[in-house]
Amino acid sequence: MIKKYIDGIKKIGMKNAIKSLYKRIYFKILKKRFKFDSWHASSPIESKPYKFQVIEIVNKSKPTNVLEIGSGLGEILANLSAPIRLGVDCDLGVINAANYINNEIVFFHHDFKNIESIQLPVSEIDILLLINWTHEINWETLKINLHKLNKKYPINSIVIDTINPDIEGYPHHHKDNLREIGTIQSSIDGIDEVRKINVIKFKK
């Protein structure tokens, strides 16, 4: 167990390890107040370096707006430079907490499986973020609802992570399905060695 913690610190660095510990304590306090799912409190951005890779990818493209589905506490969105940042999550508690700590981001409580009914303050989506949750749902559900969203708010690009095929413990990997929704513009290895981070030009 000790070796596991030491290896973890080596991967993220001491500075990020200290920040992560502080945030875990703070997020647990928020969890008690807003009553959201505990896993939102267990993984601050500093403990997940691949999320900084996502941030770098998005900021380099200089989008006008970004929509993140599965935004949790909004840590990725908080680090983006896009003028309009929108977050969606199905956990009402975490949306309330995100609104409490982020006053420059607009959050929505909504279920992805009914995403066509959402009302957004944009006419189209420059970048759609789908990070660290799509491995929990099957591909057809993911694809169908992306097309429903696109019909209402045309999507330009999607940034999505896919789990590497040799990694066990994840219900779905989706790596071989991405071309069904568009053209893969880039695909880089996540620093956690668990996933790839993919940029998809969405097929209209």
N, C-alpha and C. Protein backbone atom coordinates (compact mmCIF):
# COMPACT_ATOMS: atom_id res chain seq x y z
N MET A 1 0.83 -1.21 0.00
CA MET A 1 0.00 0.00 0.00
C MET A 1 0.86 1.26 0.00
N ILE A 2 1.92 1.26 0.83
CA ILE A 2 2.82 2.41 0.89
C ILE A 2 3.49 2.63 -0.45
N LYS A 3 3.93 1.51 -1.08
CA LYS A 3 4.58 1.59 -2.38
C LYS A 3 3.64 2.21 -3.41
N LYS A 4 2.36 1.86 -3.33
CA LYS A 4 1.36 2.40 -4.25
C LYS A 4 1.28 3.92 -4.13
N TYR A 5 1.28 4.43 -2.90
CA TYR A 5 1.21 5.86 -2.68
C TYR A 5 2.48 6.56 -3.16
N ILE A 6 3.63 5.95 -2.92
CA ILE A 6 4.90 6.52 -3.35
C ILE A 6 4.95 6.59 -4.87
N ASP A 7 4.51 5.52 -5.52
CA ASP A 7 4.49 5.50 -6.99
C ASP A 7 3.53 6.57 -7.53
N GLY A 8 2.42 6.74 -6.83
CA GLY A 8 1.45 7.76 -7.24
C GLY A 8 2.03 9.16 -7.15
N ILE A 9 2.76 9.43 -6.07
CA ILE A 9 3.39 10.74 -5.89
C ILE A 9 4.43 10.98 -6.96
N LYS A 10 5.20 9.93 -7.30
CA LYS A 10 6.21 10.05 -8.34
C LYS A 10 5.58 10.43 -9.68
N LYS A 11 4.40 9.89 -9.97
CA LYS A 11 3.74 10.15 -11.24
C LYS A 11 3.24 11.58 -11.36
N ILE A 12 2.72 12.11 -10.26
CA ILE A 12 2.10 13.44 -10.35
C ILE A 12 2.97 14.55 -9.76
N GLY A 13 4.01 14.18 -8.99
CA GLY A 13 4.88 15.18 -8.38
C GLY A 13 4.38 15.59 -7.00
N MET A 14 5.31 16.00 -6.14
CA MET A 14 4.96 16.33 -4.76
C MET A 14 4.00 17.52 -4.67
N LYS A 15 4.25 18.55 -5.52
CA LYS A 15 3.38 19.73 -5.48
C LYS A 15 1.94 19.37 -5.79
N ASN A 16 1.72 18.58 -6.83
CA ASN A 16 0.36 18.17 -7.19
C ASN A 16 -0.23 17.23 -6.14
N ALA A 17 0.63 16.40 -5.53
CA ALA A 17 0.15 15.48 -4.48
C ALA A 17 -0.39 16.27 -3.29
N ILE A 18 0.29 17.34 -2.92
CA ILE A 18 -0.16 18.17 -1.79
C ILE A 18 -1.46 18.89 -2.15
N LYS A 19 -1.52 19.45 -3.36
CA LYS A 19 -2.75 20.12 -3.81
C LYS A 19 -3.92 19.13 -3.84
N SER A 20 -3.63 17.92 -4.33
CA SER A 20 -4.67 16.90 -4.42
C SER A 20 -5.21 16.53 -3.05
N LEU A 21 -4.32 16.40 -2.08
CA LEU A 21 -4.73 16.06 -0.72
C LEU A 21 -5.61 17.16 -0.14
N TYR A 22 -5.21 18.41 -0.32
CA TYR A 22 -6.00 19.54 0.16
C TYR A 22 -7.39 19.54 -0.48
N LYS A 23 -7.42 19.33 -1.79
CA LYS A 23 -8.71 19.36 -2.49
C LYS A 23 -9.61 18.21 -2.07
N ARG A 24 -9.03 17.05 -1.83
CA ARG A 24 -9.85 15.92 -1.38
C ARG A 24 -10.57 16.27 -0.09
N ILE A 25 -9.87 16.93 0.82
CA ILE A 25 -10.48 17.34 2.09
C ILE A 25 -11.60 18.35 1.83
N TYR A 26 -11.30 19.34 0.97
CA TYR A 26 -12.29 20.37 0.65
C TYR A 26 -13.50 19.77 -0.06
N PHE A 27 -13.24 18.88 -1.01
CA PHE A 27 -14.34 18.28 -1.76
C PHE A 27 -15.21 17.38 -0.88
N LYS A 28 -14.60 16.76 0.11
CA LYS A 28 -15.40 15.94 1.04
C LYS A 28 -16.33 16.81 1.87
N ILE A 29 -15.85 18.00 2.20
CA ILE A 29 -16.71 18.96 2.91
C ILE A 29 -17.88 19.37 2.01
N LEU A 30 -17.56 19.65 0.74
CA LEU A 30 -18.62 19.99 -0.22
C LEU A 30 -19.60 18.84 -0.40
N LYS A 31 -19.08 17.62 -0.41
CA LYS A 31 -19.92 16.44 -0.58
C LYS A 31 -20.95 16.34 0.55
N LYS A 32 -20.52 16.60 1.76
CA LYS A 32 -21.45 16.55 2.90
C LYS A 32 -22.53 17.63 2.77
N ARG A 33 -22.12 18.79 2.25
CA ARG A 33 -23.07 19.90 2.13
C ARG A 33 -24.04 19.69 0.98
N PHE A 34 -23.50 19.26 -0.18
CA PHE A 34 -24.33 19.20 -1.39
C PHE A 34 -24.79 17.78 -1.75
N LYS A 35 -24.25 16.79 -1.03
CA LYS A 35 -24.69 15.40 -1.16
C LYS A 35 -24.56 14.86 -2.58
N PHE A 36 -23.37 14.95 -3.15
CA PHE A 36 -23.13 14.37 -4.46
C PHE A 36 -22.36 13.05 -4.33
N ASP A 37 -22.27 12.33 -5.41
CA ASP A 37 -21.61 11.04 -5.43
C ASP A 37 -20.16 11.18 -4.98
N SER A 38 -19.70 10.26 -4.14
CA SER A 38 -18.39 10.37 -3.50
C SER A 38 -17.23 10.35 -4.48
N TRP A 39 -17.40 9.72 -5.67
CA TRP A 39 -16.25 9.63 -6.57
C TRP A 39 -15.84 10.99 -7.12
N HIS A 40 -16.76 11.97 -7.11
CA HIS A 40 -16.41 13.33 -7.54
C HIS A 40 -15.39 13.96 -6.59
N ALA A 41 -15.44 13.53 -5.32
CA ALA A 41 -14.54 14.11 -4.32
C ALA A 41 -13.19 13.39 -4.26
N SER A 42 -13.09 12.24 -4.89
CA SER A 42 -11.90 11.40 -4.71
C SER A 42 -10.81 11.63 -5.75
N SER A 43 -11.10 12.40 -6.80
CA SER A 43 -10.13 12.53 -7.90
C SER A 43 -9.94 13.98 -8.35
N PRO A 44 -9.32 14.82 -7.51
CA PRO A 44 -9.03 16.19 -7.96
C PRO A 44 -8.17 16.16 -9.21
N ILE A 45 -8.22 17.22 -9.98
CA ILE A 45 -7.53 17.28 -11.26
C ILE A 45 -6.02 17.05 -11.12
N GLU A 46 -5.45 17.47 -10.00
CA GLU A 46 -4.01 17.29 -9.81
C GLU A 46 -3.62 15.82 -9.70
N SER A 47 -4.56 14.96 -9.37
CA SER A 47 -4.27 13.53 -9.28
C SER A 47 -4.53 12.80 -10.59
N LYS A 48 -5.02 13.53 -11.59
CA LYS A 48 -5.34 12.96 -12.90
C LYS A 48 -4.64 13.78 -13.99
N PRO A 49 -3.33 13.59 -14.17
CA PRO A 49 -2.57 14.42 -15.11
C PRO A 49 -3.09 14.41 -16.54
N TYR A 50 -3.78 13.34 -16.95
CA TYR A 50 -4.29 13.30 -18.32
C TYR A 50 -5.31 14.41 -18.57
N LYS A 51 -5.94 14.89 -17.50
CA LYS A 51 -6.90 15.98 -17.67
C LYS A 51 -6.21 17.27 -18.10
N PHE A 52 -4.96 17.46 -17.68
CA PHE A 52 -4.19 18.61 -18.14
C PHE A 52 -3.85 18.48 -19.61
N GLN A 53 -3.72 17.23 -20.09
CA GLN A 53 -3.52 17.02 -21.52
C GLN A 53 -4.76 17.46 -22.29
N VAL A 54 -5.92 17.14 -21.76
CA VAL A 54 -7.18 17.56 -22.38
C VAL A 54 -7.26 19.09 -22.43
N ILE A 55 -6.92 19.72 -21.33
CA ILE A 55 -6.94 21.19 -21.25
C ILE A 55 -6.04 21.81 -22.31
N GLU A 56 -4.83 21.25 -22.45
CA GLU A 56 -3.88 21.77 -23.43
C GLU A 56 -4.41 21.63 -24.86
N ILE A 57 -5.00 20.48 -25.15
CA ILE A 57 -5.57 20.24 -26.48
C ILE A 57 -6.66 21.26 -26.80
N VAL A 58 -7.56 21.46 -25.86
CA VAL A 58 -8.69 22.37 -26.08
C VAL A 58 -8.22 23.81 -26.22
N ASN A 59 -7.36 24.24 -25.31
CA ASN A 59 -6.91 25.64 -25.34
C ASN A 59 -6.12 25.97 -26.61
N LYS A 60 -5.41 25.00 -27.15
CA LYS A 60 -4.65 25.24 -28.38
C LYS A 60 -5.58 25.54 -29.56
N SER A 61 -6.77 24.98 -29.53
CA SER A 61 -7.70 25.19 -30.65
C SER A 61 -8.49 26.49 -30.54
N LYS A 62 -8.42 27.15 -29.39
CA LYS A 62 -9.05 28.45 -29.16
C LYS A 62 -10.53 28.48 -29.55
N PRO A 63 -11.33 27.60 -28.97
CA PRO A 63 -12.76 27.57 -29.30
C PRO A 63 -13.51 28.76 -28.70
N THR A 64 -14.62 29.09 -29.32
CA THR A 64 -15.50 30.13 -28.77
C THR A 64 -16.29 29.59 -27.60
N ASN A 65 -16.72 28.33 -27.72
CA ASN A 65 -17.46 27.72 -26.62
C ASN A 65 -17.06 26.26 -26.47
N VAL A 66 -17.21 25.76 -25.25
CA VAL A 66 -16.94 24.36 -24.93
C VAL A 66 -18.08 23.85 -24.07
N LEU A 67 -18.61 22.69 -24.42
CA LEU A 67 -19.60 22.01 -23.61
C LEU A 67 -18.99 20.72 -23.10
N GLU A 68 -18.98 20.54 -21.78
CA GLU A 68 -18.51 19.28 -21.21
C GLU A 68 -19.69 18.54 -20.61
N ILE A 69 -19.93 17.35 -21.12
CA ILE A 69 -20.94 16.47 -20.53
C ILE A 69 -20.23 15.54 -19.56
N GLY A 70 -20.77 15.44 -18.35
CA GLY A 70 -20.08 14.72 -17.28
C GLY A 70 -19.04 15.62 -16.64
N SER A 71 -19.42 16.87 -16.39
CA SER A 71 -18.45 17.89 -15.96
C SER A 71 -18.08 17.82 -14.49
N GLY A 72 -18.86 17.08 -13.68
CA GLY A 72 -18.54 16.98 -12.26
C GLY A 72 -18.44 18.35 -11.61
N LEU A 73 -17.34 18.58 -10.88
CA LEU A 73 -17.13 19.84 -10.19
C LEU A 73 -16.58 20.94 -11.10
N GLY A 74 -16.38 20.62 -12.37
CA GLY A 74 -16.00 21.64 -13.34
C GLY A 74 -14.53 22.00 -13.37
N GLU A 75 -13.66 21.09 -12.92
CA GLU A 75 -12.23 21.44 -12.85
C GLU A 75 -11.59 21.58 -14.23
N ILE A 76 -11.99 20.77 -15.18
CA ILE A 76 -11.45 20.93 -16.53
C ILE A 76 -11.92 22.26 -17.11
N LEU A 77 -13.21 22.52 -17.04
CA LEU A 77 -13.77 23.76 -17.58
C LEU A 77 -13.13 25.00 -16.95
N ALA A 78 -12.83 24.92 -15.66
CA ALA A 78 -12.25 26.07 -14.96
C ALA A 78 -10.88 26.44 -15.49
N ASN A 79 -10.22 25.51 -16.15
CA ASN A 79 -8.88 25.74 -16.68
C ASN A 79 -8.86 26.03 -18.18
N LEU A 80 -10.03 26.17 -18.78
CA LEU A 80 -10.11 26.47 -20.20
C LEU A 80 -10.23 27.97 -20.43
N SER A 81 -9.76 28.41 -21.60
CA SER A 81 -9.77 29.84 -21.91
C SER A 81 -10.94 30.25 -22.81
N ALA A 82 -11.80 29.31 -23.17
CA ALA A 82 -12.94 29.63 -24.04
C ALA A 82 -13.85 30.65 -23.37
N PRO A 83 -14.35 31.64 -24.12
CA PRO A 83 -15.24 32.64 -23.54
C PRO A 83 -16.52 32.06 -22.93
N ILE A 84 -17.04 31.00 -23.58
CA ILE A 84 -18.27 30.37 -23.09
C ILE A 84 -17.95 28.93 -22.69
N ARG A 85 -18.19 28.62 -21.41
CA ARG A 85 -17.92 27.28 -20.90
C ARG A 85 -19.19 26.74 -20.24
N LEU A 86 -19.63 25.59 -20.71
CA LEU A 86 -20.89 25.00 -20.26
C LEU A 86 -20.63 23.59 -19.72
N GLY A 87 -21.23 23.27 -18.59
CA GLY A 87 -21.06 21.95 -18.00
C GLY A 87 -22.39 21.28 -17.76
N VAL A 88 -22.43 19.98 -18.02
CA VAL A 88 -23.65 19.19 -17.82
C VAL A 88 -23.29 17.97 -16.97
N ASP A 89 -24.13 17.67 -16.00
CA ASP A 89 -23.94 16.46 -15.21
C ASP A 89 -25.31 15.98 -14.72
N CYS A 90 -25.43 14.65 -14.56
CA CYS A 90 -26.72 14.09 -14.13
C CYS A 90 -26.86 14.09 -12.60
N ASP A 91 -25.79 14.44 -11.88
CA ASP A 91 -25.80 14.48 -10.42
C ASP A 91 -26.14 15.91 -9.97
N LEU A 92 -27.36 16.10 -9.49
CA LEU A 92 -27.80 17.44 -9.10
C LEU A 92 -26.91 18.02 -7.99
N GLY A 93 -26.49 17.18 -7.06
CA GLY A 93 -25.64 17.64 -5.97
C GLY A 93 -24.33 18.21 -6.46
N VAL A 94 -23.72 17.52 -7.42
CA VAL A 94 -22.42 18.01 -7.91
C VAL A 94 -22.60 19.27 -8.75
N ILE A 95 -23.74 19.40 -9.43
CA ILE A 95 -24.02 20.64 -10.16
C ILE A 95 -24.16 21.81 -9.19
N ASN A 96 -24.85 21.58 -8.08
CA ASN A 96 -25.00 22.64 -7.08
C ASN A 96 -23.64 23.03 -6.49
N ALA A 97 -22.79 22.03 -6.25
CA ALA A 97 -21.45 22.31 -5.72
C ALA A 97 -20.60 23.04 -6.75
N ALA A 98 -20.70 22.63 -8.02
CA ALA A 98 -19.94 23.29 -9.09
C ALA A 98 -20.34 24.75 -9.23
N ASN A 99 -21.62 25.02 -9.13
CA ASN A 99 -22.10 26.40 -9.18
C ASN A 99 -21.57 27.21 -8.00
N TYR A 100 -21.41 26.56 -6.86
CA TYR A 100 -20.91 27.22 -5.65
C TYR A 100 -19.45 27.66 -5.81
N ILE A 101 -18.64 26.83 -6.49
CA ILE A 101 -17.21 27.12 -6.57
C ILE A 101 -16.78 27.75 -7.89
N ASN A 102 -17.67 27.78 -8.89
CA ASN A 102 -17.33 28.34 -10.21
C ASN A 102 -18.42 29.31 -10.65
N ASN A 103 -18.13 30.60 -10.63
CA ASN A 103 -19.17 31.57 -11.01
C ASN A 103 -19.02 32.08 -12.43
N GLU A 104 -18.05 31.56 -13.18
CA GLU A 104 -17.88 31.98 -14.57
C GLU A 104 -18.25 30.88 -15.56
N ILE A 105 -18.78 29.79 -15.05
CA ILE A 105 -19.18 28.65 -15.88
C ILE A 105 -20.67 28.42 -15.68
N VAL A 106 -21.37 28.08 -16.75
CA VAL A 106 -22.81 27.80 -16.66
C VAL A 106 -22.99 26.29 -16.61
N PHE A 107 -23.64 25.81 -15.55
CA PHE A 107 -23.86 24.39 -15.36
C PHE A 107 -25.33 24.02 -15.50
N PHE A 108 -25.56 22.82 -16.00
CA PHE A 108 -26.92 22.31 -16.21
C PHE A 108 -27.04 20.93 -15.59
N HIS A 109 -28.14 20.71 -14.88
CA HIS A 109 -28.45 19.37 -14.39
C HIS A 109 -29.26 18.67 -15.48
N HIS A 110 -28.67 17.65 -16.10
CA HIS A 110 -29.34 16.99 -17.21
C HIS A 110 -28.78 15.58 -17.40
N ASP A 111 -29.62 14.70 -17.93
CA ASP A 111 -29.24 13.31 -18.19
C ASP A 111 -28.84 13.17 -19.66
N PHE A 112 -27.69 12.58 -19.93
CA PHE A 112 -27.21 12.42 -21.30
C PHE A 112 -28.20 11.64 -22.15
N LYS A 113 -28.91 10.70 -21.56
CA LYS A 113 -29.83 9.87 -22.32
C LYS A 113 -31.07 10.65 -22.77
N ASN A 114 -31.25 11.85 -22.24
CA ASN A 114 -32.34 12.74 -22.70
C ASN A 114 -31.75 14.07 -23.17
N ILE A 115 -30.57 14.01 -23.74
CA ILE A 115 -29.81 15.22 -24.03
C ILE A 115 -30.49 16.11 -25.06
N GLU A 116 -31.37 15.54 -25.88
CA GLU A 116 -32.02 16.36 -26.92
C GLU A 116 -32.96 17.42 -26.33
N SER A 117 -33.32 17.29 -25.06
CA SER A 117 -34.23 18.26 -24.45
C SER A 117 -33.50 19.41 -23.74
N ILE A 118 -32.19 19.39 -23.75
CA ILE A 118 -31.44 20.44 -23.05
C ILE A 118 -31.55 21.76 -23.80
N GLN A 119 -31.53 22.85 -23.05
CA GLN A 119 -31.60 24.19 -23.63
C GLN A 119 -30.28 24.91 -23.33
N LEU A 120 -29.50 25.16 -24.38
CA LEU A 120 -28.19 25.77 -24.23
C LEU A 120 -28.19 27.20 -24.77
N PRO A 121 -27.33 28.07 -24.24
CA PRO A 121 -27.27 29.47 -24.70
C PRO A 121 -26.34 29.65 -25.91
N VAL A 122 -26.26 28.63 -26.75
CA VAL A 122 -25.44 28.70 -27.97
C VAL A 122 -26.24 28.08 -29.11
N SER A 123 -25.85 28.39 -30.35
CA SER A 123 -26.54 27.80 -31.50
C SER A 123 -25.81 26.58 -32.03
N GLU A 124 -24.51 26.46 -31.71
CA GLU A 124 -23.72 25.31 -32.09
C GLU A 124 -22.63 25.09 -31.06
N ILE A 125 -21.99 23.92 -31.11
CA ILE A 125 -20.99 23.55 -30.12
C ILE A 125 -19.63 23.46 -30.81
N ASP A 126 -18.69 24.32 -30.40
CA ASP A 126 -17.35 24.27 -30.99
C ASP A 126 -16.62 22.99 -30.59
N ILE A 127 -16.54 22.74 -29.29
CA ILE A 127 -15.90 21.52 -28.79
C ILE A 127 -16.79 20.89 -27.72
N LEU A 128 -17.04 19.60 -27.89
CA LEU A 128 -17.77 18.81 -26.90
C LEU A 128 -16.77 17.92 -26.18
N LEU A 129 -16.73 18.01 -24.86
CA LEU A 129 -15.84 17.19 -24.06
C LEU A 129 -16.60 16.01 -23.46
N LEU A 130 -16.05 14.82 -23.66
CA LEU A 130 -16.60 13.59 -23.07
C LEU A 130 -15.42 12.86 -22.42
N ILE A 131 -15.18 13.15 -21.15
CA ILE A 131 -13.97 12.68 -20.49
C ILE A 131 -14.28 11.86 -19.24
N ASN A 132 -13.71 10.66 -19.22
CA ASN A 132 -13.71 9.78 -18.04
C ASN A 132 -15.10 9.30 -17.59
N TRP A 133 -15.97 9.02 -18.57
CA TRP A 133 -17.24 8.38 -18.20
C TRP A 133 -17.85 7.56 -19.32
N THR A 134 -17.47 7.80 -20.56
CA THR A 134 -18.12 7.11 -21.68
C THR A 134 -17.84 5.61 -21.68
N HIS A 135 -16.79 5.19 -20.98
CA HIS A 135 -16.53 3.74 -20.87
C HIS A 135 -17.60 3.03 -20.04
N GLU A 136 -18.49 3.80 -19.42
CA GLU A 136 -19.55 3.20 -18.61
C GLU A 136 -20.82 2.90 -19.41
N ILE A 137 -20.90 3.38 -20.65
CA ILE A 137 -22.12 3.15 -21.44
C ILE A 137 -21.77 2.49 -22.77
N ASN A 138 -22.73 1.78 -23.33
CA ASN A 138 -22.47 1.07 -24.59
C ASN A 138 -22.41 2.05 -25.76
N TRP A 139 -21.79 1.60 -26.84
CA TRP A 139 -21.52 2.49 -27.97
C TRP A 139 -22.79 3.00 -28.64
N GLU A 140 -23.78 2.16 -28.83
CA GLU A 140 -25.00 2.59 -29.52
C GLU A 140 -25.71 3.70 -28.77
N THR A 141 -25.76 3.59 -27.44
CA THR A 141 -26.36 4.65 -26.63
C THR A 141 -25.59 5.94 -26.78
N LEU A 142 -24.27 5.84 -26.76
CA LEU A 142 -23.43 7.02 -26.92
C LEU A 142 -23.64 7.66 -28.29
N LYS A 143 -23.58 6.86 -29.33
CA LYS A 143 -23.71 7.37 -30.70
C LYS A 143 -25.08 7.99 -30.96
N ILE A 144 -26.13 7.32 -30.55
CA ILE A 144 -27.49 7.82 -30.78
C ILE A 144 -27.69 9.17 -30.12
N ASN A 145 -27.24 9.31 -28.89
CA ASN A 145 -27.47 10.56 -28.17
C ASN A 145 -26.57 11.69 -28.65
N LEU A 146 -25.38 11.36 -29.16
CA LEU A 146 -24.55 12.38 -29.78
C LEU A 146 -25.23 12.95 -31.03
N HIS A 147 -25.84 12.08 -31.81
CA HIS A 147 -26.54 12.55 -33.01
C HIS A 147 -27.78 13.36 -32.64
N LYS A 148 -28.45 13.01 -31.56
CA LYS A 148 -29.59 13.81 -31.10
C LYS A 148 -29.15 15.20 -30.70
N LEU A 149 -28.04 15.27 -29.97
CA LEU A 149 -27.51 16.57 -29.57
C LEU A 149 -27.09 17.38 -30.79
N ASN A 150 -26.41 16.73 -31.73
CA ASN A 150 -25.93 17.41 -32.93
C ASN A 150 -27.08 17.96 -33.78
N LYS A 151 -28.20 17.26 -33.78
CA LYS A 151 -29.35 17.72 -34.56
C LYS A 151 -29.86 19.06 -34.03
N LYS A 152 -29.76 19.24 -32.72
CA LYS A 152 -30.26 20.47 -32.10
C LYS A 152 -29.17 21.55 -32.04
N TYR A 153 -27.95 21.12 -31.72
CA TYR A 153 -26.81 22.04 -31.61
C TYR A 153 -25.64 21.44 -32.38
N PRO A 154 -25.46 21.81 -33.64
CA PRO A 154 -24.40 21.20 -34.47
C PRO A 154 -23.05 21.20 -33.76
N ILE A 155 -22.41 20.03 -33.76
CA ILE A 155 -21.13 19.84 -33.08
C ILE A 155 -20.00 19.93 -34.09
N ASN A 156 -18.99 20.73 -33.77
CA ASN A 156 -17.82 20.82 -34.63
C ASN A 156 -16.84 19.69 -34.32
N SER A 157 -16.33 19.65 -33.09
CA SER A 157 -15.34 18.63 -32.71
C SER A 157 -15.68 18.03 -31.36
N ILE A 158 -15.22 16.80 -31.17
CA ILE A 158 -15.39 16.10 -29.90
C ILE A 158 -14.02 15.71 -29.38
N VAL A 159 -13.78 15.95 -28.10
CA VAL A 159 -12.59 15.42 -27.43
C VAL A 159 -13.08 14.34 -26.47
N ILE A 160 -12.64 13.12 -26.72
CA ILE A 160 -13.14 11.96 -25.97
C ILE A 160 -11.98 11.04 -25.62
N ASP A 161 -11.99 10.50 -24.42
CA ASP A 161 -10.96 9.52 -24.07
C ASP A 161 -11.51 8.11 -24.25
N THR A 162 -10.64 7.21 -24.70
CA THR A 162 -11.00 5.81 -24.85
C THR A 162 -9.99 4.96 -24.08
N ILE A 163 -10.49 3.92 -23.44
CA ILE A 163 -9.64 3.05 -22.64
C ILE A 163 -8.89 2.08 -23.54
N ASN A 164 -7.60 1.91 -23.28
CA ASN A 164 -6.79 0.99 -24.07
C ASN A 164 -7.32 -0.44 -23.96
N PRO A 165 -7.31 -1.18 -25.07
CA PRO A 165 -7.92 -2.52 -25.11
C PRO A 165 -7.37 -3.50 -24.08
N ASP A 166 -6.10 -3.35 -23.69
CA ASP A 166 -5.49 -4.30 -22.75
C ASP A 166 -5.75 -3.97 -21.29
N ILE A 167 -6.48 -2.88 -21.03
CA ILE A 167 -6.78 -2.47 -19.66
C ILE A 167 -8.08 -3.12 -19.21
N GLU A 168 -8.00 -3.89 -18.14
CA GLU A 168 -9.18 -4.59 -17.63
C GLU A 168 -9.94 -3.73 -16.61
N GLY A 169 -11.20 -4.12 -16.38
CA GLY A 169 -11.99 -3.46 -15.35
C GLY A 169 -12.89 -2.35 -15.87
N TYR A 170 -12.91 -2.14 -17.18
CA TYR A 170 -13.77 -1.12 -17.77
C TYR A 170 -14.81 -1.81 -18.65
N PRO A 171 -16.09 -1.46 -18.50
CA PRO A 171 -17.14 -2.14 -19.28
C PRO A 171 -16.99 -1.98 -20.79
N HIS A 172 -16.55 -0.80 -21.24
CA HIS A 172 -16.46 -0.52 -22.67
C HIS A 172 -15.16 0.24 -22.97
N HIS A 173 -14.65 0.04 -24.20
CA HIS A 173 -13.40 0.68 -24.60
C HIS A 173 -13.60 1.67 -25.77
N HIS A 174 -14.46 1.35 -26.72
CA HIS A 174 -14.89 2.27 -27.79
C HIS A 174 -13.82 2.67 -28.81
N LYS A 175 -12.59 2.23 -28.64
CA LYS A 175 -11.52 2.70 -29.52
C LYS A 175 -11.83 2.45 -31.00
N ASP A 176 -12.39 1.27 -31.30
CA ASP A 176 -12.64 0.90 -32.70
C ASP A 176 -13.91 1.49 -33.27
N ASN A 177 -14.66 2.24 -32.45
CA ASN A 177 -15.94 2.79 -32.90
C ASN A 177 -15.88 4.25 -33.33
N LEU A 178 -14.80 4.92 -33.02
CA LEU A 178 -14.76 6.38 -33.18
C LEU A 178 -15.03 6.86 -34.59
N ARG A 179 -14.57 6.10 -35.59
CA ARG A 179 -14.75 6.53 -36.98
C ARG A 179 -16.22 6.53 -37.41
N GLU A 180 -17.08 5.91 -36.62
CA GLU A 180 -18.51 5.93 -36.93
C GLU A 180 -19.12 7.32 -36.71
N ILE A 181 -18.46 8.15 -35.90
CA ILE A 181 -19.02 9.47 -35.61
C ILE A 181 -18.24 10.60 -36.27
N GLY A 182 -17.11 10.28 -36.90
CA GLY A 182 -16.36 11.34 -37.56
C GLY A 182 -14.94 10.96 -37.89
N THR A 183 -14.14 11.96 -38.23
CA THR A 183 -12.75 11.76 -38.61
C THR A 183 -11.84 11.99 -37.41
N ILE A 184 -10.96 11.05 -37.15
CA ILE A 184 -10.02 11.19 -36.04
C ILE A 184 -8.92 12.15 -36.46
N GLN A 185 -8.88 13.30 -35.83
CA GLN A 185 -7.86 14.30 -36.16
C GLN A 185 -6.56 14.10 -35.40
N SER A 186 -6.66 13.59 -34.19
CA SER A 186 -5.47 13.27 -33.41
C SER A 186 -5.84 12.26 -32.32
N SER A 187 -4.84 11.51 -31.88
CA SER A 187 -5.04 10.53 -30.83
C SER A 187 -3.73 10.39 -30.08
N ILE A 188 -3.70 10.80 -28.82
CA ILE A 188 -2.45 10.75 -28.06
C ILE A 188 -2.61 9.86 -26.83
N ASP A 189 -1.50 9.31 -26.40
CA ASP A 189 -1.51 8.46 -25.21
C ASP A 189 -1.70 9.31 -23.96
N GLY A 190 -2.63 8.87 -23.11
CA GLY A 190 -2.80 9.54 -21.83
C GLY A 190 -1.59 9.27 -20.95
N ILE A 191 -1.21 10.24 -20.15
CA ILE A 191 -0.05 10.09 -19.30
C ILE A 191 -0.24 9.00 -18.24
N ASP A 192 -1.50 8.63 -18.01
CA ASP A 192 -1.79 7.58 -17.03
C ASP A 192 -1.60 6.18 -17.60
N GLU A 193 -1.31 6.09 -18.92
CA GLU A 193 -1.08 4.82 -19.61
C GLU A 193 -2.31 3.91 -19.60
N VAL A 194 -3.46 4.50 -19.39
CA VAL A 194 -4.73 3.75 -19.35
C VAL A 194 -5.57 4.06 -20.57
N ARG A 195 -5.42 5.26 -21.13
CA ARG A 195 -6.35 5.73 -22.14
C ARG A 195 -5.63 6.47 -23.27
N LYS A 196 -6.39 6.74 -24.32
CA LYS A 196 -5.98 7.66 -25.37
C LYS A 196 -6.95 8.84 -25.35
N ILE A 197 -6.44 10.00 -25.69
CA ILE A 197 -7.27 11.19 -25.78
C ILE A 197 -7.40 11.52 -27.26
N ASN A 198 -8.63 11.50 -27.75
CA ASN A 198 -8.91 11.60 -29.17
C ASN A 198 -9.67 12.87 -29.51
N VAL A 199 -9.28 13.48 -30.62
CA VAL A 199 -10.01 14.62 -31.16
C VAL A 199 -10.70 14.16 -32.44
N ILE A 200 -12.03 14.30 -32.47
CA ILE A 200 -12.84 13.83 -33.58
C ILE A 200 -13.53 15.01 -34.26
N LYS A 201 -13.36 15.12 -35.56
CA LYS A 201 -14.17 16.05 -36.35
C LYS A 201 -15.50 15.38 -36.59
N PHE A 202 -16.56 15.93 -35.97
CA PHE A 202 -17.84 15.23 -35.99
C PHE A 202 -18.44 15.18 -37.38
N LYS A 203 -18.95 14.02 -37.74
CA LYS A 203 -19.56 13.81 -39.04
C LYS A 203 -20.99 14.33 -39.06
N LYS A 204 -21.28 15.23 -39.97
CA LYS A 204 -22.61 15.83 -40.04
C LYS A 204 -23.60 14.90 -40.74
